[in-house]
Amino acid sequence: MARRPLPRILSNGTAQIAKSRELARTAADSATDVLHPLITVTRGLRRLAAAGRRKWAATPKDRRGPLLFLVASVVLIVALVPYGPLLAVITLMAAAAWAGRERTPPPATGPDEAQTARLQSLYEALVPYFSAADDPAPLYAHGGDWEKAFTSYDFDDDGRISRLHVHYPAYFTDGEPDSRARIEQLLHVKSGRGREYHFDWDEEGNELTVTVLAPLPTDIAAQRFVTAPGETVLGFTDPADVQRTLPLTHGEEQRDVPPVVWRTGARSTEPHLLITGEPGAGTTTLLRSIALQSLRYGDVVVVDGGGTGEYACLTGREGVLAVECSTGGALASLEWAAHETERRLIAANRARQAGHPAPDDIRNPLWILLDRPSALGHLAAADGREDPQSLLQVPLRHGRAANVTVVVAEHFENLDSLSDAVRQHTRARVVLGTASAAQLEAVLGAPPHTTPTRDVPPGRGYARLGAGPVLRLQVPATPDPYDDATSEAQRLAVLALLPERTTPADAEQVPSEVAGVAVAEG
């Protein structure tokens, strides 16, 4: 049976409805323009009548009689005067039109007195840095015009500068880091402390754009991020710095947040990561977040040099090969990881020579997570054993080809104890917590283009992947679910990400040396 065509009311009904709505909207706008004088007069008559009622209600009762007599006399005189009623109607309409006018004040087109004083003060502070004695037409001079130097500006609700576009002379040495640092420090102090500022230098156009950055969200809990294999979310940053967003769940709400994604694997240019910061800055939290994400696609070996039990929730889970806190267990696990890296390299090389794809047992990523290896190094030296970091040379040098990733977390005061192999091969860097500009540049290799805040929340810092830009970073909240100080919502969020147990609960408490030997044999 042939199909019958749909009626026209169903086939093109949507287009007709949209066209009808557009015509109705156009007609309403035209009618409003035409009837605007009548609407104004009507609104004015209503306001005049309301004012008359208020005046009558405010008049005492003993004075209402004389008031009525006076009004009646005025009406009689107007009626007897030639053209009196016509003049009265014209006067009433004019008064109604005046009373019914729009009384919204026009928006301010320029800064007020306080904002002008702030801009002039900032201009005067920049004069010693942006002026020269032999300049015939100085752009910056004491008592000069700040409008020529500040081409655009914005203020927040508190009257402080939120965005400023500065034009400076061409002879300013904007290519020298020290000169730029002095200007950034001055603008930070004069524009208001306690906020983060982003400085965008345009050396070609001799322009500097100062922007106040919004605080990064600190309420993002651990969850299953929408990422591909080989991608790890280190945290979240500003929307203007990345070209990607991730859909996140916050309670019953959903929102898109720009992430800092670290890519690992055979094609990664930064296959290993170094995390540093002050105690309590969130390095362990980030390491735990990386472990939960890596367990989706690979196996994990955790070495806790601090021995605080922060990774007890991973013990006995599927994909977790070992969680070691002692020196012997750490040495056994890292030695096995080095042999496993060599085995993977040999298997991949043989498969490549035979013209076959890589075996399945080497495609599974292997993650080696070390928290505070310097503490284990001191214990190993006291026992006369080798430093566990010496066993990382093979995974660090050949980890990219063998699909092995190493993540090291260490505090600032112990960075000098890291081996040369760790420093050379961890090109992805993260700095958390309070840090000076010199510390940030020493670890990241480049200074950030933002100023630090006065109060740094846990998990807040900077990240730089290889030779990329320095990005602000906020680590997702991934606390220890077994900690009594953890809230119930965050505890359930972390427990939901943990894999199933493969070891009975009563079999978890085994000597670390035995566990390490078992891992080495496996």
Protein backbone atom coordinates (compact mmCIF):
# COMPACT_ATOMS: atom_id res chain seq x y z
CA MET A 1 0.00 0.00 0.00
CA ALA A 2 1.39 3.40 -0.99
CA ARG A 3 2.05 5.83 1.81
CA ARG A 4 -0.21 8.81 1.96
CA PRO A 5 1.47 12.20 2.28
CA LEU A 6 1.09 14.07 5.51
CA PRO A 7 -1.34 16.97 5.60
CA ARG A 8 0.13 20.39 5.06
CA ILE A 9 -0.87 21.43 8.56
CA LEU A 10 1.47 18.70 9.89
CA SER A 11 4.28 18.95 7.35
CA ASN A 12 4.90 22.69 7.46
CA GLY A 13 2.96 23.63 10.55
CA THR A 14 6.07 24.46 12.54
CA ALA A 15 7.27 27.00 9.98
CA GLN A 16 3.83 28.63 9.82
CA ILE A 17 3.62 28.87 13.60
CA ALA A 18 7.07 30.44 13.80
CA LYS A 19 6.16 32.91 11.04
CA SER A 20 2.90 33.78 12.81
CA ARG A 21 4.74 34.41 16.06
CA GLU A 22 7.19 36.69 14.30
CA LEU A 23 4.36 38.66 12.67
CA ALA A 24 2.55 38.96 16.00
CA ARG A 25 5.71 40.16 17.71
CA THR A 26 6.34 42.73 14.96
CA ALA A 27 2.76 43.97 15.16
CA ALA A 28 2.97 44.28 18.94
CA ASP A 29 6.19 46.30 18.69
CA SER A 30 4.66 48.58 16.06
CA ALA A 31 1.53 49.09 18.14
CA THR A 32 3.63 49.93 21.18
CA ASP A 33 5.53 52.58 19.19
CA VAL A 34 2.33 54.10 17.84
CA LEU A 35 0.46 54.07 21.14
CA HIS A 36 3.43 55.18 23.24
CA PRO A 37 2.13 58.80 23.69
CA LEU A 38 -1.29 57.49 24.74
CA ILE A 39 0.32 55.06 27.16
CA THR A 40 2.43 57.87 28.64
CA VAL A 41 -0.57 60.18 29.09
CA THR A 42 -2.66 57.40 30.64
CA ARG A 43 0.12 56.54 33.07
CA GLY A 44 0.44 60.25 33.96
CA LEU A 45 -3.32 60.60 34.59
CA ARG A 46 -3.17 57.58 36.85
CA ARG A 47 -0.27 59.07 38.79
CA LEU A 48 -2.01 62.46 39.07
CA ALA A 49 -5.18 60.78 40.32
CA ALA A 50 -3.19 58.82 42.89
CA ALA A 51 -1.49 62.03 44.03
CA GLY A 52 -4.89 63.73 44.35
CA ARG A 53 -6.25 60.88 46.47
CA ARG A 54 -3.21 61.02 48.74
CA LYS A 55 -3.63 64.80 49.08
CA TRP A 56 -7.33 64.41 49.93
CA ALA A 57 -6.61 61.68 52.49
CA ALA A 58 -3.92 63.84 54.13
CA THR A 59 -6.25 66.91 54.39
CA PRO A 60 -7.95 67.26 57.82
CA LYS A 61 -11.74 66.94 57.81
CA ASP A 62 -12.30 70.49 59.02
CA ARG A 63 -10.44 71.82 55.95
CA ARG A 64 -12.07 69.66 53.29
CA GLY A 65 -15.08 71.97 52.89
CA PRO A 66 -13.04 75.10 52.06
CA LEU A 67 -10.89 72.97 49.75
CA LEU A 68 -13.95 71.79 47.82
CA PHE A 69 -15.22 75.39 47.57
CA LEU A 70 -11.84 76.50 46.20
CA VAL A 71 -11.80 73.72 43.58
CA ALA A 72 -15.37 74.50 42.53
CA SER A 73 -14.51 78.21 42.17
CA VAL A 74 -11.52 77.40 39.95
CA VAL A 75 -13.65 75.12 37.76
CA LEU A 76 -16.32 77.84 37.42
CA ILE A 77 -13.79 80.50 36.49
CA VAL A 78 -12.19 78.21 33.91
CA ALA A 79 -15.61 77.44 32.42
CA LEU A 80 -16.49 81.15 32.08
CA VAL A 81 -13.15 82.25 30.59
CA PRO A 82 -13.05 82.17 26.75
CA TYR A 83 -11.32 78.99 25.57
CA GLY A 84 -10.94 78.06 29.24
CA PRO A 85 -12.03 74.38 28.96
CA LEU A 86 -9.73 73.84 25.96
CA LEU A 87 -6.77 75.41 27.77
CA ALA A 88 -7.56 73.34 30.86
CA VAL A 89 -7.60 70.11 28.86
CA ILE A 90 -4.30 71.02 27.17
CA THR A 91 -2.72 71.84 30.54
CA LEU A 92 -3.99 68.61 32.05
CA MET A 93 -2.63 66.54 29.15
CA ALA A 94 0.76 68.27 29.39
CA ALA A 95 0.90 67.65 33.14
CA ALA A 96 -0.10 64.00 32.59
CA ALA A 97 2.57 63.59 29.90
CA TRP A 98 5.18 65.05 32.23
CA ALA A 99 4.09 62.88 35.14
CA GLY A 100 3.95 59.71 33.03
CA ARG A 101 7.41 59.99 31.51
CA GLU A 102 10.02 57.28 32.09
CA ARG A 103 12.00 58.21 35.18
CA THR A 104 14.82 55.66 34.85
CA PRO A 105 18.08 57.57 35.08
CA PRO A 106 20.43 57.14 32.13
CA PRO A 107 23.34 54.75 32.76
CA ALA A 108 26.62 56.28 33.71
CA THR A 109 29.01 56.53 30.79
CA GLY A 110 32.18 57.12 32.75
CA PRO A 111 33.81 56.49 36.11
CA ASP A 112 32.59 58.28 39.21
CA GLU A 113 34.76 60.39 41.45
CA ALA A 114 36.07 57.46 43.52
CA GLN A 115 36.89 55.41 40.44
CA THR A 116 38.57 58.37 38.78
CA ALA A 117 40.69 58.94 41.87
CA ARG A 118 41.71 55.26 41.90
CA LEU A 119 42.69 55.34 38.22
CA GLN A 120 44.64 58.58 38.68
CA SER A 121 46.47 57.11 41.68
CA LEU A 122 47.38 54.01 39.68
CA TYR A 123 48.56 56.18 36.81
CA GLU A 124 50.79 58.23 39.10
CA ALA A 125 52.29 55.03 40.56
CA LEU A 126 53.28 53.83 37.07
CA VAL A 127 55.00 57.10 36.11
CA PRO A 128 58.48 56.18 37.48
CA TYR A 129 58.45 52.90 35.52
CA PHE A 130 56.92 54.05 32.22
CA SER A 131 58.63 57.41 31.77
CA ALA A 132 62.03 58.64 30.59
CA ALA A 133 63.72 61.99 31.10
CA ASP A 134 64.49 62.51 27.39
CA ASP A 135 60.99 61.63 26.14
CA PRO A 136 59.66 64.73 24.27
CA ALA A 137 56.01 63.63 24.56
CA PRO A 138 55.77 61.35 27.59
CA LEU A 139 52.72 59.14 27.88
CA TYR A 140 53.25 58.95 31.64
CA ALA A 141 53.99 62.13 33.56
CA HIS A 142 53.08 63.43 37.00
CA GLY A 143 49.75 65.20 36.72
CA GLY A 144 49.18 63.77 33.23
CA ASP A 145 46.04 62.42 31.63
CA TRP A 146 45.35 58.80 32.64
CA GLU A 147 42.73 58.37 29.88
CA LYS A 148 45.45 58.13 27.23
CA ALA A 149 47.24 55.33 29.12
CA PHE A 150 44.20 53.31 30.28
CA THR A 151 42.15 52.61 27.18
CA SER A 152 39.53 50.43 28.91
CA TYR A 153 38.66 49.50 32.47
CA ASP A 154 36.00 47.74 34.54
CA PHE A 155 35.11 47.92 38.22
CA ASP A 156 33.42 45.40 40.48
CA ASP A 157 30.61 46.04 42.94
CA ASP A 158 33.09 47.05 45.64
CA GLY A 159 34.59 49.78 43.47
CA ARG A 160 37.86 47.95 42.84
CA ILE A 161 39.40 47.42 39.42
CA SER A 162 38.36 44.10 37.85
CA ARG A 163 39.86 44.64 34.39
CA LEU A 164 42.36 47.19 33.09
CA HIS A 165 43.92 47.68 29.67
CA VAL A 166 47.24 49.55 29.98
CA HIS A 167 49.15 51.12 27.10
CA TYR A 168 52.84 51.73 27.81
CA PRO A 169 55.68 53.34 25.79
CA ALA A 170 57.69 51.26 23.35
CA TYR A 171 61.01 51.84 25.13
CA PHE A 172 59.86 49.96 28.24
CA THR A 173 61.87 46.75 28.63
CA ASP A 174 58.90 44.38 28.58
CA GLY A 175 61.14 41.53 27.42
CA GLU A 176 62.98 41.40 30.75
CA PRO A 177 61.35 39.27 33.46
CA ASP A 178 62.47 41.59 36.26
CA SER A 179 60.87 44.64 34.63
CA ARG A 180 57.62 42.81 34.07
CA ALA A 181 57.65 41.45 37.62
CA ARG A 182 57.94 44.98 39.04
CA ILE A 183 54.93 46.18 37.05
CA GLU A 184 52.87 43.13 37.99
CA GLN A 185 53.70 43.56 41.67
CA LEU A 186 52.77 47.25 41.55
CA LEU A 187 49.44 46.61 39.83
CA HIS A 188 48.69 43.81 42.28
CA VAL A 189 49.26 46.07 45.27
CA LYS A 190 47.49 49.16 43.93
CA SER A 191 44.47 47.31 42.49
CA GLY A 192 43.70 45.43 45.70
CA ARG A 193 45.20 42.51 47.57
CA GLY A 194 43.52 39.19 48.25
CA ARG A 195 42.61 38.52 44.60
CA GLU A 196 44.27 36.66 41.75
CA TYR A 197 45.33 38.73 38.74
CA HIS A 198 46.16 37.52 35.26
CA PHE A 199 48.66 39.56 33.24
CA ASP A 200 48.57 39.31 29.45
CA TRP A 201 51.52 41.13 27.85
CA ASP A 202 51.32 42.14 24.20
CA GLU A 203 54.88 43.11 23.36
CA GLU A 204 54.07 43.94 19.75
CA GLY A 205 51.31 46.37 20.61
CA ASN A 206 52.92 47.69 23.85
CA GLU A 207 49.81 46.79 25.80
CA LEU A 208 49.11 44.98 29.06
CA THR A 209 45.74 43.55 30.05
CA VAL A 210 45.16 42.95 33.75
CA THR A 211 42.20 40.74 34.64
CA VAL A 212 40.91 39.64 38.04
CA LEU A 213 40.34 35.88 37.97
CA ALA A 214 37.35 34.26 39.58
CA PRO A 215 38.14 31.71 42.32
CA LEU A 216 38.40 28.13 41.10
CA PRO A 217 35.63 25.82 42.36
CA THR A 218 36.59 23.90 45.49
CA ASP A 219 33.38 21.89 45.83
CA ILE A 220 34.05 19.36 43.04
CA ALA A 221 34.13 15.90 44.55
CA ALA A 222 35.74 12.77 43.14
CA GLN A 223 33.67 11.17 40.40
CA ARG A 224 34.00 9.22 37.19
CA PHE A 225 35.23 11.73 34.63
CA VAL A 226 34.39 11.42 30.96
CA THR A 227 37.87 10.73 29.58
CA ALA A 228 39.47 8.38 27.06
CA PRO A 229 42.05 5.71 27.93
CA GLY A 230 45.38 7.38 28.61
CA GLU A 231 43.80 10.61 29.87
CA THR A 232 43.98 11.63 33.53
CA VAL A 233 42.26 14.67 35.04
CA LEU A 234 44.67 16.43 37.37
CA GLY A 235 42.18 19.14 38.31
CA PHE A 236 40.32 22.11 36.93
CA THR A 237 41.43 25.50 35.67
CA ASP A 238 40.18 28.68 33.97
CA PRO A 239 37.93 28.43 30.90
CA ALA A 240 40.18 30.69 28.80
CA ASP A 241 43.25 28.47 29.24
CA VAL A 242 41.90 25.19 27.83
CA GLN A 243 39.72 24.28 24.86
CA ARG A 244 37.71 21.55 26.54
CA THR A 245 35.12 21.09 29.26
CA LEU A 246 33.94 18.06 31.20
CA PRO A 247 30.36 17.44 32.36
CA LEU A 248 30.43 17.10 36.15
CA THR A 249 27.79 16.18 38.68
CA HIS A 250 27.47 18.33 41.78
CA GLY A 251 24.67 16.95 43.92
CA GLU A 252 21.61 17.07 41.68
CA GLU A 253 23.10 19.71 39.39
CA GLN A 254 25.28 19.25 36.34
CA ARG A 255 27.78 21.74 34.99
CA ASP A 256 30.68 21.91 32.55
CA VAL A 257 34.11 22.69 34.01
CA PRO A 258 37.41 23.12 32.09
CA PRO A 259 39.87 20.38 33.14
CA VAL A 260 43.64 19.99 33.14
CA VAL A 261 44.07 16.68 31.28
CA TRP A 262 47.37 14.82 31.43
CA ARG A 263 47.88 12.34 28.59
CA THR A 264 50.08 9.27 29.05
CA GLY A 265 50.98 6.32 26.87
CA ALA A 266 53.24 5.60 23.91
CA ARG A 267 52.57 8.96 22.20
CA SER A 268 52.79 11.09 25.32
CA THR A 269 55.45 13.78 25.49
CA GLU A 270 55.21 13.92 29.30
CA PRO A 271 54.88 10.28 30.40
CA HIS A 272 55.78 10.86 34.08
CA LEU A 273 54.58 13.33 36.72
CA LEU A 274 56.14 15.10 39.72
CA ILE A 275 53.90 16.55 42.44
CA THR A 276 55.27 18.82 45.15
CA GLY A 277 54.00 21.19 47.81
CA GLU A 278 53.92 21.97 51.49
CA PRO A 279 52.55 19.40 53.99
CA GLY A 280 48.77 19.50 53.91
CA ALA A 281 48.63 21.14 50.48
CA GLY A 282 46.90 18.17 48.83
CA THR A 283 49.68 16.13 47.22
CA THR A 284 48.35 12.89 48.70
CA THR A 285 44.83 13.83 47.59
CA LEU A 286 46.00 14.28 44.00
CA LEU A 287 47.91 11.00 44.13
CA ARG A 288 44.79 9.23 45.39
CA SER A 289 42.69 10.82 42.64
CA ILE A 290 45.18 9.63 40.00
CA ALA A 291 45.08 6.12 41.46
CA LEU A 292 41.27 5.95 41.26
CA GLN A 293 41.30 7.12 37.64
CA SER A 294 44.12 4.81 36.55
CA LEU A 295 42.36 1.74 37.99
CA ARG A 296 39.73 2.03 35.26
CA TYR A 297 42.17 0.93 32.57
CA GLY A 298 45.32 -0.41 34.27
CA ASP A 299 47.13 -1.78 37.31
CA VAL A 300 48.59 0.24 40.16
CA VAL A 301 51.52 -0.19 42.54
CA VAL A 302 51.44 2.24 45.48
CA VAL A 303 54.45 2.99 47.68
CA ASP A 304 53.60 5.15 50.71
CA GLY A 305 56.84 6.54 52.10
CA GLY A 306 55.04 8.51 54.79
CA GLY A 307 53.50 5.35 56.25
CA THR A 308 50.35 7.19 57.35
CA GLY A 309 47.90 4.71 55.84
CA GLU A 310 46.40 7.22 53.42
CA TYR A 311 46.06 4.50 50.78
CA ALA A 312 44.53 1.77 52.95
CA CYS A 313 41.29 2.02 50.96
CA LEU A 314 43.15 0.61 47.91
CA THR A 315 44.45 -2.50 49.66
CA GLY A 316 42.98 -5.71 48.27
CA ARG A 317 41.16 -3.99 45.41
CA GLU A 318 41.05 -5.29 41.88
CA GLY A 319 43.92 -3.87 39.83
CA VAL A 320 45.95 -2.81 42.90
CA LEU A 321 49.05 -5.00 42.79
CA ALA A 322 50.56 -3.72 46.04
CA VAL A 323 50.26 -1.00 48.67
CA GLU A 324 53.61 -0.84 50.48
CA CYS A 325 54.69 1.26 53.45
CA SER A 326 57.86 -0.54 54.61
CA THR A 327 61.31 -0.36 53.10
CA GLY A 328 61.48 -4.04 52.24
CA GLY A 329 58.11 -4.12 50.58
CA ALA A 330 58.84 -0.95 48.63
CA LEU A 331 62.15 -2.34 47.35
CA ALA A 332 60.53 -5.63 46.35
CA SER A 333 57.65 -3.90 44.54
CA LEU A 334 59.88 -1.44 42.71
CA GLU A 335 62.29 -4.20 41.73
CA TRP A 336 59.40 -6.17 40.29
CA ALA A 337 58.23 -3.03 38.44
CA ALA A 338 61.70 -2.62 36.90
CA HIS A 339 61.72 -6.26 35.75
CA GLU A 340 58.17 -5.89 34.43
CA THR A 341 59.22 -2.85 32.40
CA GLU A 342 62.09 -4.82 30.88
CA ARG A 343 59.80 -7.75 30.12
CA ARG A 344 57.34 -5.48 28.37
CA LEU A 345 60.10 -3.91 26.29
CA ILE A 346 61.39 -7.33 25.18
CA ALA A 347 57.88 -8.57 24.34
CA ALA A 348 57.05 -5.42 22.37
CA ASN A 349 60.34 -5.63 20.48
CA ARG A 350 59.80 -9.27 19.54
CA ALA A 351 56.27 -8.60 18.38
CA ARG A 352 57.43 -5.64 16.30
CA GLN A 353 60.17 -7.68 14.64
CA ALA A 354 57.73 -10.49 13.83
CA GLY A 355 55.24 -8.04 12.39
CA HIS A 356 52.58 -8.82 15.02
CA PRO A 357 50.65 -6.43 17.24
CA ALA A 358 51.75 -5.99 20.82
CA PRO A 359 50.60 -8.76 23.18
CA ASP A 360 47.60 -8.09 25.35
CA ASP A 361 49.57 -8.49 28.58
CA ILE A 362 51.68 -5.42 27.82
CA ARG A 363 48.87 -3.20 26.58
CA ASN A 364 47.44 -2.87 30.06
CA PRO A 365 48.95 0.30 31.60
CA LEU A 366 51.04 -0.05 34.74
CA TRP A 367 51.11 2.86 37.18
CA ILE A 368 53.81 3.27 39.86
CA LEU A 369 52.77 5.82 42.50
CA LEU A 370 55.35 6.94 45.08
CA ASP A 371 54.44 9.23 47.94
CA ARG A 372 57.43 10.78 49.75
CA PRO A 373 60.23 8.52 48.50
CA SER A 374 62.79 10.54 50.49
CA ALA A 375 61.49 9.05 53.74
CA LEU A 376 62.06 5.54 52.41
CA GLY A 377 65.52 6.58 51.22
CA HIS A 378 66.52 7.61 54.74
CA LEU A 379 65.22 4.34 56.19
CA ALA A 380 66.98 2.31 53.51
CA ALA A 381 70.28 4.12 54.16
CA ALA A 382 69.95 3.43 57.89
CA ASP A 383 69.43 -0.31 57.16
CA GLY A 384 72.29 -0.43 54.68
CA ARG A 385 70.01 -0.98 51.68
CA GLU A 386 69.88 0.79 48.34
CA ASP A 387 67.71 3.81 47.75
CA PRO A 388 64.30 2.81 46.30
CA GLN A 389 64.66 5.67 43.78
CA SER A 390 67.52 3.81 42.11
CA LEU A 391 65.01 1.18 40.98
CA LEU A 392 63.01 3.83 39.10
CA GLN A 393 65.61 4.41 36.40
CA VAL A 394 64.30 1.70 34.08
CA PRO A 395 60.58 2.61 34.43
CA LEU A 396 61.39 6.30 34.02
CA ARG A 397 63.62 5.91 30.95
CA HIS A 398 61.63 3.23 29.13
CA GLY A 399 58.20 3.64 30.66
CA ARG A 400 56.67 5.36 27.65
CA ALA A 401 57.50 2.49 25.29
CA ALA A 402 56.48 -0.13 27.89
CA ASN A 403 53.22 1.66 28.84
CA VAL A 404 54.50 2.26 32.38
CA THR A 405 53.80 5.57 34.14
CA VAL A 406 55.58 6.87 37.25
CA VAL A 407 54.08 9.51 39.55
CA VAL A 408 56.20 10.90 42.39
CA ALA A 409 54.91 13.16 45.19
CA GLU A 410 57.37 14.94 47.47
CA HIS A 411 57.40 17.93 49.82
CA PHE A 412 59.31 21.13 49.10
CA GLU A 413 61.91 20.61 51.81
CA ASN A 414 62.89 17.20 50.40
CA LEU A 415 63.16 18.03 46.70
CA ASP A 416 66.95 17.98 46.93
CA SER A 417 66.82 14.28 47.86
CA LEU A 418 65.18 13.31 44.56
CA SER A 419 67.42 11.44 42.17
CA ASP A 420 68.58 12.88 38.86
CA ALA A 421 66.47 10.34 36.95
CA VAL A 422 63.30 11.53 38.68
CA ARG A 423 64.07 15.18 37.97
CA GLN A 424 64.99 14.64 34.33
CA HIS A 425 62.12 12.36 33.29
CA THR A 426 59.20 13.96 35.18
CA ARG A 427 58.43 16.73 32.70
CA ALA A 428 54.84 17.09 33.86
CA ARG A 429 54.87 19.11 37.08
CA VAL A 430 52.30 20.14 39.70
CA VAL A 431 52.89 22.54 42.61
CA LEU A 432 50.23 22.72 45.33
CA GLY A 433 49.82 25.04 48.27
CA THR A 434 51.64 28.23 49.17
CA ALA A 435 54.82 28.76 47.16
CA SER A 436 57.00 31.72 46.30
CA ALA A 437 57.63 32.87 42.75
CA ALA A 438 61.16 31.46 42.91
CA GLN A 439 59.88 28.03 44.01
CA LEU A 440 57.27 27.96 41.28
CA GLU A 441 59.77 28.87 38.59
CA ALA A 442 62.33 26.35 39.91
CA VAL A 443 59.84 23.46 39.79
CA LEU A 444 57.70 24.39 36.79
CA GLY A 445 60.47 25.91 34.70
CA ALA A 446 58.51 29.11 34.06
CA PRO A 447 56.77 31.68 36.27
CA PRO A 448 52.97 31.75 36.31
CA HIS A 449 51.12 34.65 34.72
CA THR A 450 48.93 35.06 37.79
CA THR A 451 49.50 36.31 41.32
CA PRO A 452 49.03 33.94 44.28
CA THR A 453 46.16 34.40 46.70
CA ARG A 454 46.50 35.16 50.37
CA ASP A 455 44.49 32.12 51.51
CA VAL A 456 45.22 28.97 49.50
CA PRO A 457 42.62 26.19 49.88
CA PRO A 458 43.75 22.54 49.92
CA GLY A 459 44.41 21.18 46.45
CA ARG A 460 45.02 24.62 44.96
CA GLY A 461 48.15 25.26 42.91
CA TYR A 462 49.67 25.33 39.45
CA ALA A 463 50.36 22.73 36.76
CA ARG A 464 52.58 22.67 33.71
CA LEU A 465 52.71 19.80 31.24
CA GLY A 466 56.08 19.78 29.54
CA ALA A 467 56.75 23.03 27.71
CA GLY A 468 53.12 24.15 27.86
CA PRO A 469 51.75 27.16 29.73
CA VAL A 470 51.50 27.36 33.50
CA LEU A 471 47.87 26.75 34.46
CA ARG A 472 45.99 27.37 37.66
CA LEU A 473 44.83 24.09 39.19
CA GLN A 474 42.25 22.94 41.70
CA VAL A 475 42.40 19.24 42.56
CA PRO A 476 39.05 17.44 42.99
CA ALA A 477 38.30 16.55 46.59
CA THR A 478 39.43 12.93 47.03
CA PRO A 479 39.91 12.39 50.78
CA ASP A 480 40.65 9.17 52.60
CA PRO A 481 37.26 7.46 53.06
CA TYR A 482 38.49 5.83 56.28
CA ASP A 483 39.34 9.19 57.87
CA ASP A 484 36.91 10.32 60.57
CA ALA A 485 37.19 13.94 59.41
CA THR A 486 35.85 13.07 55.93
CA SER A 487 32.28 14.13 55.27
CA GLU A 488 29.71 11.49 54.44
CA ALA A 489 29.11 12.77 50.90
CA GLN A 490 32.81 12.77 50.00
CA ARG A 491 33.36 9.39 51.64
CA LEU A 492 30.58 7.82 49.59
CA ALA A 493 31.92 9.48 46.43
CA VAL A 494 35.36 7.92 46.90
CA LEU A 495 33.97 4.50 47.88
CA ALA A 496 31.83 4.47 44.73
CA LEU A 497 35.00 4.75 42.61
CA LEU A 498 36.89 1.92 44.31
CA PRO A 499 37.04 -1.40 42.43
CA GLU A 500 35.71 -4.57 43.97
CA ARG A 501 37.76 -6.42 46.53
CA THR A 502 39.79 -9.41 45.42
CA THR A 503 41.28 -10.15 48.86
CA PRO A 504 39.22 -11.01 51.96
CA ALA A 505 39.26 -8.39 54.67
CA ASP A 506 40.98 -10.71 57.16
CA ALA A 507 43.77 -11.44 54.66
CA GLU A 508 44.79 -7.82 54.11
CA GLN A 509 47.00 -7.54 57.18
CA VAL A 510 50.06 -9.43 55.92
CA PRO A 511 53.73 -8.57 56.39
CA SER A 512 54.93 -6.13 53.76
CA GLU A 513 57.94 -8.28 52.86
CA VAL A 514 55.70 -11.25 52.09
CA ALA A 515 53.37 -9.10 50.03
CA GLY A 516 56.28 -7.67 48.09
CA VAL A 517 57.67 -11.10 47.29
CA ALA A 518 54.23 -12.24 46.16
CA VAL A 519 54.00 -9.27 43.83
CA ALA A 520 57.49 -9.94 42.48
CA GLU A 521 56.64 -13.55 41.75
CA GLY A 522 53.40 -12.57 40.05
